[in-house]
Amino acid sequence: MSSRAGFTLLELLVAMTLLGLIGAMAAGGFRFGLAAWERGGATGIAATEASQALKAVRRLLDGARPIPLRTQAEQAPAILFAGTPDRVTFAAPLPAAVAPPGDFLVELSLVGDRLMLRASPLGHANPTLGPESLSAVLVEGLSGARFRYFGPVPAEDDQDAILPMRWQPVWESGTALPSLVALDLEWRDDLPLAQHAARQPGFVARLGAAPLVRR
């Protein structure tokens, strides 16, 4: 009897079924971990949990990675980073308790009295955050907040000029990360006494230490 290389249709179907189950289990664990983190932030308006959530946000920003987006050959590589006073989008790994290893597209946004997070795995060169992206409320009880960005001011004409470094409300350099990102916070006056310790004025995260990631 002669042997043949390859797989039978039944073997392929079994393998595809197993892969589907593994994928579903991984996705379920990912959603469960983020849901647990969301519960910790949403119910953690108490001081210690709000403080821990802000520490996690700073660590996320500290871990921002200068991943280049795919551009035209004649263009300088654009870095996956965008910053405005109420929103910052960047690439970074999520905490190990929340997600599997790997880089994610992360968005931190200020919506009403909340600091919110959305995240999606980086699966292609031009990632987006869609309706199926995972989301979490990290902090509540804010009366005001803003992001600021420290780095060189973009040059308009002279590309060889020495650029001044200063804080900016919007990060417009598409080819580099800012050196620092600050989050300034103001808290509502009607917060319970148990939450007063969470009323820190904000933090400054240091970016740019990670090397350029080739994809």
C-alpha atoms as a PDB file:
ATOM      1  CA  MET A   1       0.000   0.000   0.000  1.00  0.00           C
ATOM      2  CA  SER A   2       1.455   3.370  -1.006  1.00  0.00           C
ATOM      3  CA  SER A   3       1.492   6.304   1.415  1.00  0.00           C
ATOM      4  CA  ARG A   4       0.422   9.790   0.375  1.00  0.00           C
ATOM      5  CA  ALA A   5       1.654  13.137   1.735  1.00  0.00           C
ATOM      6  CA  GLY A   6      -0.870  15.727   2.831  1.00  0.00           C
ATOM      7  CA  PHE A   7      -4.076  15.871   4.863  1.00  0.00           C
ATOM      8  CA  THR A   8      -7.518  14.429   4.343  1.00  0.00           C
ATOM      9  CA  LEU A   9     -10.590  16.660   4.314  1.00  0.00           C
ATOM     10  CA  LEU A  10     -11.615  15.312   7.730  1.00  0.00           C
ATOM     11  CA  GLU A  11      -8.196  16.148   9.203  1.00  0.00           C
ATOM     12  CA  LEU A  12      -8.390  19.681   7.837  1.00  0.00           C
ATOM     13  CA  LEU A  13     -11.874  20.174   9.287  1.00  0.00           C
ATOM     14  CA  VAL A  14     -10.714  18.960  12.710  1.00  0.00           C
ATOM     15  CA  ALA A  15      -7.696  21.275  12.615  1.00  0.00           C
ATOM     16  CA  MET A  16      -9.836  24.276  11.619  1.00  0.00           C
ATOM     17  CA  THR A  17     -12.314  23.497  14.420  1.00  0.00           C
ATOM     18  CA  LEU A  18      -9.505  23.343  16.993  1.00  0.00           C
ATOM     19  CA  LEU A  19      -8.040  26.626  15.749  1.00  0.00           C
ATOM     20  CA  GLY A  20     -11.464  28.250  16.004  1.00  0.00           C
ATOM     21  CA  LEU A  21     -11.897  27.044  19.591  1.00  0.00           C
ATOM     22  CA  ILE A  22      -8.439  28.296  20.566  1.00  0.00           C
ATOM     23  CA  GLY A  23      -9.186  31.683  19.014  1.00  0.00           C
ATOM     24  CA  ALA A  24     -12.526  31.938  20.798  1.00  0.00           C
ATOM     25  CA  MET A  25     -10.909  31.052  24.133  1.00  0.00           C
ATOM     26  CA  ALA A  26      -8.184  33.667  23.625  1.00  0.00           C
ATOM     27  CA  ALA A  27     -10.723  36.351  22.693  1.00  0.00           C
ATOM     28  CA  GLY A  28     -12.897  35.434  25.680  1.00  0.00           C
ATOM     29  CA  GLY A  29      -9.949  35.684  28.051  1.00  0.00           C
ATOM     30  CA  PHE A  30      -8.993  39.033  26.553  1.00  0.00           C
ATOM     31  CA  ARG A  31     -12.490  40.431  27.016  1.00  0.00           C
ATOM     32  CA  PHE A  32     -12.696  39.024  30.553  1.00  0.00           C
ATOM     33  CA  GLY A  33      -9.398  40.635  31.540  1.00  0.00           C
ATOM     34  CA  LEU A  34     -10.388  44.022  30.169  1.00  0.00           C
ATOM     35  CA  ALA A  35     -13.827  43.754  31.779  1.00  0.00           C
ATOM     36  CA  ALA A  36     -12.146  43.077  35.128  1.00  0.00           C
ATOM     37  CA  TRP A  37      -9.914  46.117  34.604  1.00  0.00           C
ATOM     38  CA  GLU A  38     -12.986  48.163  33.676  1.00  0.00           C
ATOM     39  CA  ARG A  39     -14.762  47.087  36.864  1.00  0.00           C
ATOM     40  CA  GLY A  40     -11.695  48.052  38.832  1.00  0.00           C
ATOM     41  CA  GLY A  41     -11.743  51.529  37.282  1.00  0.00           C
ATOM     42  CA  ALA A  42     -15.500  52.079  37.256  1.00  0.00           C
ATOM     43  CA  THR A  43     -16.170  50.892  40.779  1.00  0.00           C
ATOM     44  CA  GLY A  44     -12.817  52.208  41.908  1.00  0.00           C
ATOM     45  CA  ILE A  45     -13.788  55.808  42.158  1.00  0.00           C
ATOM     46  CA  ALA A  46     -12.502  55.337  45.678  1.00  0.00           C
ATOM     47  CA  ALA A  47      -9.114  56.934  46.151  1.00  0.00           C
ATOM     48  CA  THR A  48      -6.829  53.941  45.876  1.00  0.00           C
ATOM     49  CA  GLU A  49      -8.441  52.555  42.720  1.00  0.00           C
ATOM     50  CA  ALA A  50      -8.557  55.919  40.965  1.00  0.00           C
ATOM     51  CA  SER A  51      -4.907  56.434  41.819  1.00  0.00           C
ATOM     52  CA  GLN A  52      -4.029  52.986  40.502  1.00  0.00           C
ATOM     53  CA  ALA A  53      -5.936  53.684  37.284  1.00  0.00           C
ATOM     54  CA  LEU A  54      -3.957  56.898  36.746  1.00  0.00           C
ATOM     55  CA  LYS A  55      -0.704  55.041  37.396  1.00  0.00           C
ATOM     56  CA  ALA A  56      -1.740  52.504  34.769  1.00  0.00           C
ATOM     57  CA  VAL A  57      -2.453  55.313  32.298  1.00  0.00           C
ATOM     58  CA  ARG A  58       0.978  56.815  32.899  1.00  0.00           C
ATOM     59  CA  ARG A  59       2.626  53.422  32.393  1.00  0.00           C
ATOM     60  CA  LEU A  60       0.721  53.013  29.128  1.00  0.00           C
ATOM     61  CA  LEU A  61       2.049  56.338  27.894  1.00  0.00           C
ATOM     62  CA  ASP A  62       5.543  55.526  29.141  1.00  0.00           C
ATOM     63  CA  GLY A  63       5.382  52.401  26.997  1.00  0.00           C
ATOM     64  CA  ALA A  64       4.326  54.170  23.781  1.00  0.00           C
ATOM     65  CA  ARG A  65       6.244  52.731  20.847  1.00  0.00           C
ATOM     66  CA  PRO A  66       7.224  54.673  17.700  1.00  0.00           C
ATOM     67  CA  ILE A  67       5.697  52.249  15.228  1.00  0.00           C
ATOM     68  CA  PRO A  68       5.763  53.643  11.669  1.00  0.00           C
ATOM     69  CA  LEU A  69       2.685  53.622   9.508  1.00  0.00           C
ATOM     70  CA  ARG A  70       2.890  52.588   5.879  1.00  0.00           C
ATOM     71  CA  THR A  71       3.324  55.649   3.642  1.00  0.00           C
ATOM     72  CA  GLN A  72       4.297  56.413   0.063  1.00  0.00           C
ATOM     73  CA  ALA A  73       7.914  55.616  -0.791  1.00  0.00           C
ATOM     74  CA  GLU A  74       8.864  59.276  -1.192  1.00  0.00           C
ATOM     75  CA  GLN A  75       7.370  60.298   2.155  1.00  0.00           C
ATOM     76  CA  ALA A  76       9.029  60.203   5.547  1.00  0.00           C
ATOM     77  CA  PRO A  77       7.651  57.365   7.708  1.00  0.00           C
ATOM     78  CA  ALA A  78       4.762  58.564   9.846  1.00  0.00           C
ATOM     79  CA  ILE A  79       4.671  57.484  13.480  1.00  0.00           C
ATOM     80  CA  LEU A  80       1.490  56.056  14.955  1.00  0.00           C
ATOM     81  CA  PHE A  81       0.808  58.869  17.415  1.00  0.00           C
ATOM     82  CA  ALA A  82      -1.772  61.667  17.488  1.00  0.00           C
ATOM     83  CA  GLY A  83      -2.464  64.066  20.341  1.00  0.00           C
ATOM     84  CA  THR A  84      -5.057  66.765  21.060  1.00  0.00           C
ATOM     85  CA  PRO A  85      -6.156  68.328  24.378  1.00  0.00           C
ATOM     86  CA  ASP A  86      -8.911  65.729  24.873  1.00  0.00           C
ATOM     87  CA  ARG A  87      -7.543  62.656  23.101  1.00  0.00           C
ATOM     88  CA  VAL A  88      -4.269  60.811  22.533  1.00  0.00           C
ATOM     89  CA  THR A  89      -3.818  57.803  20.252  1.00  0.00           C
ATOM     90  CA  PHE A  90      -0.670  55.695  20.232  1.00  0.00           C
ATOM     91  CA  ALA A  91       0.742  52.167  20.040  1.00  0.00           C
ATOM     92  CA  ALA A  92       1.724  50.328  23.218  1.00  0.00           C
ATOM     93  CA  PRO A  93       1.419  46.937  24.925  1.00  0.00           C
ATOM     94  CA  LEU A  94      -1.406  46.584  27.443  1.00  0.00           C
ATOM     95  CA  PRO A  95      -0.850  45.245  30.997  1.00  0.00           C
ATOM     96  CA  ALA A  96      -0.274  41.493  31.126  1.00  0.00           C
ATOM     97  CA  ALA A  97      -3.329  41.060  33.375  1.00  0.00           C
ATOM     98  CA  VAL A  98      -5.538  42.591  30.693  1.00  0.00           C
ATOM     99  CA  ALA A  99      -4.293  41.354  27.343  1.00  0.00           C
ATOM    100  CA  PRO A 100      -1.890  38.909  25.680  1.00  0.00           C
ATOM    101  CA  PRO A 101       1.590  40.109  24.622  1.00  0.00           C
ATOM    102  CA  GLY A 102       1.831  42.369  21.608  1.00  0.00           C
ATOM    103  CA  ASP A 103       1.256  45.962  20.593  1.00  0.00           C
ATOM    104  CA  PHE A 104      -2.198  47.532  20.633  1.00  0.00           C
ATOM    105  CA  LEU A 105      -3.671  50.668  19.174  1.00  0.00           C
ATOM    106  CA  VAL A 106      -4.610  52.605  22.332  1.00  0.00           C
ATOM    107  CA  GLU A 107      -6.838  55.663  22.634  1.00  0.00           C
ATOM    108  CA  LEU A 108      -7.191  57.669  25.851  1.00  0.00           C
ATOM    109  CA  SER A 109     -10.021  60.184  25.664  1.00  0.00           C
ATOM    110  CA  LEU A 110     -11.695  62.674  27.985  1.00  0.00           C
ATOM    111  CA  VAL A 111     -15.474  62.385  27.673  1.00  0.00           C
ATOM    112  CA  GLY A 112     -17.576  64.419  30.086  1.00  0.00           C
ATOM    113  CA  ASP A 113     -16.309  63.688  33.595  1.00  0.00           C
ATOM    114  CA  ARG A 114     -14.567  60.466  32.536  1.00  0.00           C
ATOM    115  CA  LEU A 115     -11.180  59.314  31.318  1.00  0.00           C
ATOM    116  CA  MET A 116     -11.819  56.429  28.929  1.00  0.00           C
ATOM    117  CA  LEU A 117      -9.694  53.851  27.143  1.00  0.00           C
ATOM    118  CA  ARG A 118     -10.246  52.031  23.875  1.00  0.00           C
ATOM    119  CA  ALA A 119      -7.863  49.438  22.484  1.00  0.00           C
ATOM    120  CA  SER A 120      -7.544  47.154  19.490  1.00  0.00           C
ATOM    121  CA  PRO A 121      -4.740  44.731  18.511  1.00  0.00           C
ATOM    122  CA  LEU A 122      -2.329  46.022  15.893  1.00  0.00           C
ATOM    123  CA  GLY A 123      -3.042  43.699  13.019  1.00  0.00           C
ATOM    124  CA  HIS A 124      -2.112  45.764   9.974  1.00  0.00           C
ATOM    125  CA  ALA A 125      -0.179  48.828   8.869  1.00  0.00           C
ATOM    126  CA  ASN A 126      -3.035  51.344   9.185  1.00  0.00           C
ATOM    127  CA  PRO A 127      -5.060  50.255  12.220  1.00  0.00           C
ATOM    128  CA  THR A 128      -8.309  51.854  13.329  1.00  0.00           C
ATOM    129  CA  LEU A 129     -10.585  51.746  16.357  1.00  0.00           C
ATOM    130  CA  GLY A 130     -14.015  50.550  15.327  1.00  0.00           C
ATOM    131  CA  PRO A 131     -17.263  49.707  17.117  1.00  0.00           C
ATOM    132  CA  GLU A 132     -15.862  46.334  18.171  1.00  0.00           C
ATOM    133  CA  SER A 133     -12.836  47.823  19.941  1.00  0.00           C
ATOM    134  CA  LEU A 134     -12.559  47.046  23.626  1.00  0.00           C
ATOM    135  CA  SER A 135     -13.299  49.954  25.961  1.00  0.00           C
ATOM    136  CA  ALA A 136     -13.118  50.783  29.655  1.00  0.00           C
ATOM    137  CA  VAL A 137     -13.933  53.704  31.953  1.00  0.00           C
ATOM    138  CA  LEU A 138     -10.737  54.360  33.907  1.00  0.00           C
ATOM    139  CA  VAL A 139     -11.563  57.407  36.047  1.00  0.00           C
ATOM    140  CA  GLU A 140     -14.757  59.318  36.851  1.00  0.00           C
ATOM    141  CA  GLY A 141     -15.492  62.492  38.794  1.00  0.00           C
ATOM    142  CA  LEU A 142     -13.494  64.989  36.712  1.00  0.00           C
ATOM    143  CA  SER A 143     -14.584  68.587  36.269  1.00  0.00           C
ATOM    144  CA  GLY A 144     -11.856  69.332  33.749  1.00  0.00           C
ATOM    145  CA  ALA A 145      -8.824  67.693  32.147  1.00  0.00           C
ATOM    146  CA  ARG A 146      -6.440  68.108  29.248  1.00  0.00           C
ATOM    147  CA  PHE A 147      -3.452  66.454  27.599  1.00  0.00           C
ATOM    148  CA  ARG A 148      -0.297  68.451  26.781  1.00  0.00           C
ATOM    149  CA  TYR A 149       2.758  67.476  24.727  1.00  0.00           C
ATOM    150  CA  PHE A 150       6.398  68.524  25.139  1.00  0.00           C
ATOM    151  CA  GLY A 151       8.798  68.431  22.219  1.00  0.00           C
ATOM    152  CA  PRO A 152      10.280  70.436  19.339  1.00  0.00           C
ATOM    153  CA  VAL A 153       7.997  72.941  17.630  1.00  0.00           C
ATOM    154  CA  PRO A 154       7.486  71.965  13.961  1.00  0.00           C
ATOM    155  CA  ALA A 155       9.532  74.063  11.519  1.00  0.00           C
ATOM    156  CA  GLU A 156       7.592  75.701   8.710  1.00  0.00           C
ATOM    157  CA  ASP A 157      10.386  76.483   6.236  1.00  0.00           C
ATOM    158  CA  ASP A 158      13.933  75.894   7.452  1.00  0.00           C
ATOM    159  CA  GLN A 159      14.327  72.149   7.944  1.00  0.00           C
ATOM    160  CA  ASP A 160      17.875  72.586   9.332  1.00  0.00           C
ATOM    161  CA  ALA A 161      16.925  75.111  12.011  1.00  0.00           C
ATOM    162  CA  ILE A 162      17.372  74.271  15.680  1.00  0.00           C
ATOM    163  CA  LEU A 163      13.835  73.748  16.907  1.00  0.00           C
ATOM    164  CA  PRO A 164      12.745  75.107  20.283  1.00  0.00           C
ATOM    165  CA  MET A 165      11.306  72.668  22.821  1.00  0.00           C
ATOM    166  CA  ARG A 166       8.093  73.622  24.602  1.00  0.00           C
ATOM    167  CA  TRP A 167       4.698  72.396  25.773  1.00  0.00           C
ATOM    168  CA  GLN A 168       2.075  72.258  23.013  1.00  0.00           C
ATOM    169  CA  PRO A 169      -1.701  71.624  23.122  1.00  0.00           C
ATOM    170  CA  VAL A 170      -1.605  69.514  19.951  1.00  0.00           C
ATOM    171  CA  TRP A 171       1.146  67.208  18.756  1.00  0.00           C
ATOM    172  CA  GLU A 172       1.534  67.781  15.021  1.00  0.00           C
ATOM    173  CA  SER A 173       4.832  66.023  14.301  1.00  0.00           C
ATOM    174  CA  GLY A 174       3.896  62.941  12.352  1.00  0.00           C
ATOM    175  CA  THR A 175       7.431  61.526  12.346  1.00  0.00           C
ATOM    176  CA  ALA A 176       8.343  61.441  16.052  1.00  0.00           C
ATOM    177  CA  LEU A 177       6.882  60.893  19.493  1.00  0.00           C
ATOM    178  CA  PRO A 178       6.731  63.801  21.937  1.00  0.00           C
ATOM    179  CA  SER A 179       9.331  63.666  24.697  1.00  0.00           C
ATOM    180  CA  LEU A 180       6.702  64.103  27.425  1.00  0.00           C
ATOM    181  CA  VAL A 181       2.924  63.867  27.720  1.00  0.00           C
ATOM    182  CA  ALA A 182       1.161  65.572  30.627  1.00  0.00           C
ATOM    183  CA  LEU A 183      -2.370  64.938  31.847  1.00  0.00           C
ATOM    184  CA  ASP A 184      -3.763  67.828  33.899  1.00  0.00           C
ATOM    185  CA  LEU A 185      -6.774  66.983  36.079  1.00  0.00           C
ATOM    186  CA  GLU A 186      -9.442  68.931  37.929  1.00  0.00           C
ATOM    187  CA  TRP A 187     -11.878  67.091  40.185  1.00  0.00           C
ATOM    188  CA  ARG A 188     -15.532  67.754  40.987  1.00  0.00           C
ATOM    189  CA  ASP A 189     -16.170  69.481  44.328  1.00  0.00           C
ATOM    190  CA  ASP A 190     -18.988  67.079  45.247  1.00  0.00           C
ATOM    191  CA  LEU A 191     -16.840  63.934  45.388  1.00  0.00           C
ATOM    192  CA  PRO A 192     -17.255  61.859  48.580  1.00  0.00           C
ATOM    193  CA  LEU A 193     -14.598  62.224  51.252  1.00  0.00           C
ATOM    194  CA  ALA A 194     -13.348  58.703  50.506  1.00  0.00           C
ATOM    195  CA  GLN A 195     -12.285  59.879  47.070  1.00  0.00           C
ATOM    196  CA  HIS A 196     -10.368  62.991  48.108  1.00  0.00           C
ATOM    197  CA  ALA A 197      -7.024  61.193  48.030  1.00  0.00           C
ATOM    198  CA  ALA A 198      -7.575  60.575  44.320  1.00  0.00           C
ATOM    199  CA  ARG A 199      -7.517  64.297  43.621  1.00  0.00           C
ATOM    200  CA  GLN A 200      -4.000  64.403  42.293  1.00  0.00           C
ATOM    201  CA  PRO A 201      -3.437  67.210  39.768  1.00  0.00           C
ATOM    202  CA  GLY A 202      -2.224  64.805  37.100  1.00  0.00           C
ATOM    203  CA  PHE A 203       1.079  63.384  35.929  1.00  0.00           C
ATOM    204  CA  VAL A 204       3.814  63.640  33.306  1.00  0.00           C
ATOM    205  CA  ALA A 205       4.756  60.556  31.274  1.00  0.00           C
ATOM    206  CA  ARG A 206       8.140  60.221  29.559  1.00  0.00           C
ATOM    207  CA  LEU A 207       8.034  58.907  25.997  1.00  0.00           C
ATOM    208  CA  GLY A 208      10.597  58.247  23.312  1.00  0.00           C
ATOM    209  CA  ALA A 209      12.851  55.766  25.101  1.00  0.00           C
ATOM    210  CA  ALA A 210      11.737  52.795  23.006  1.00  0.00           C
ATOM    211  CA  PRO A 211      13.612  52.148  19.745  1.00  0.00           C
ATOM    212  CA  LEU A 212      11.931  52.414  16.370  1.00  0.00           C
ATOM    213  CA  VAL A 213       9.992  49.235  15.599  1.00  0.00           C
ATOM    214  CA  ARG A 214      10.411  47.837  12.102  1.00  0.00           C
ATOM    215  CA  ARG A 215       7.317  46.155  10.726  1.00  0.00           C
END
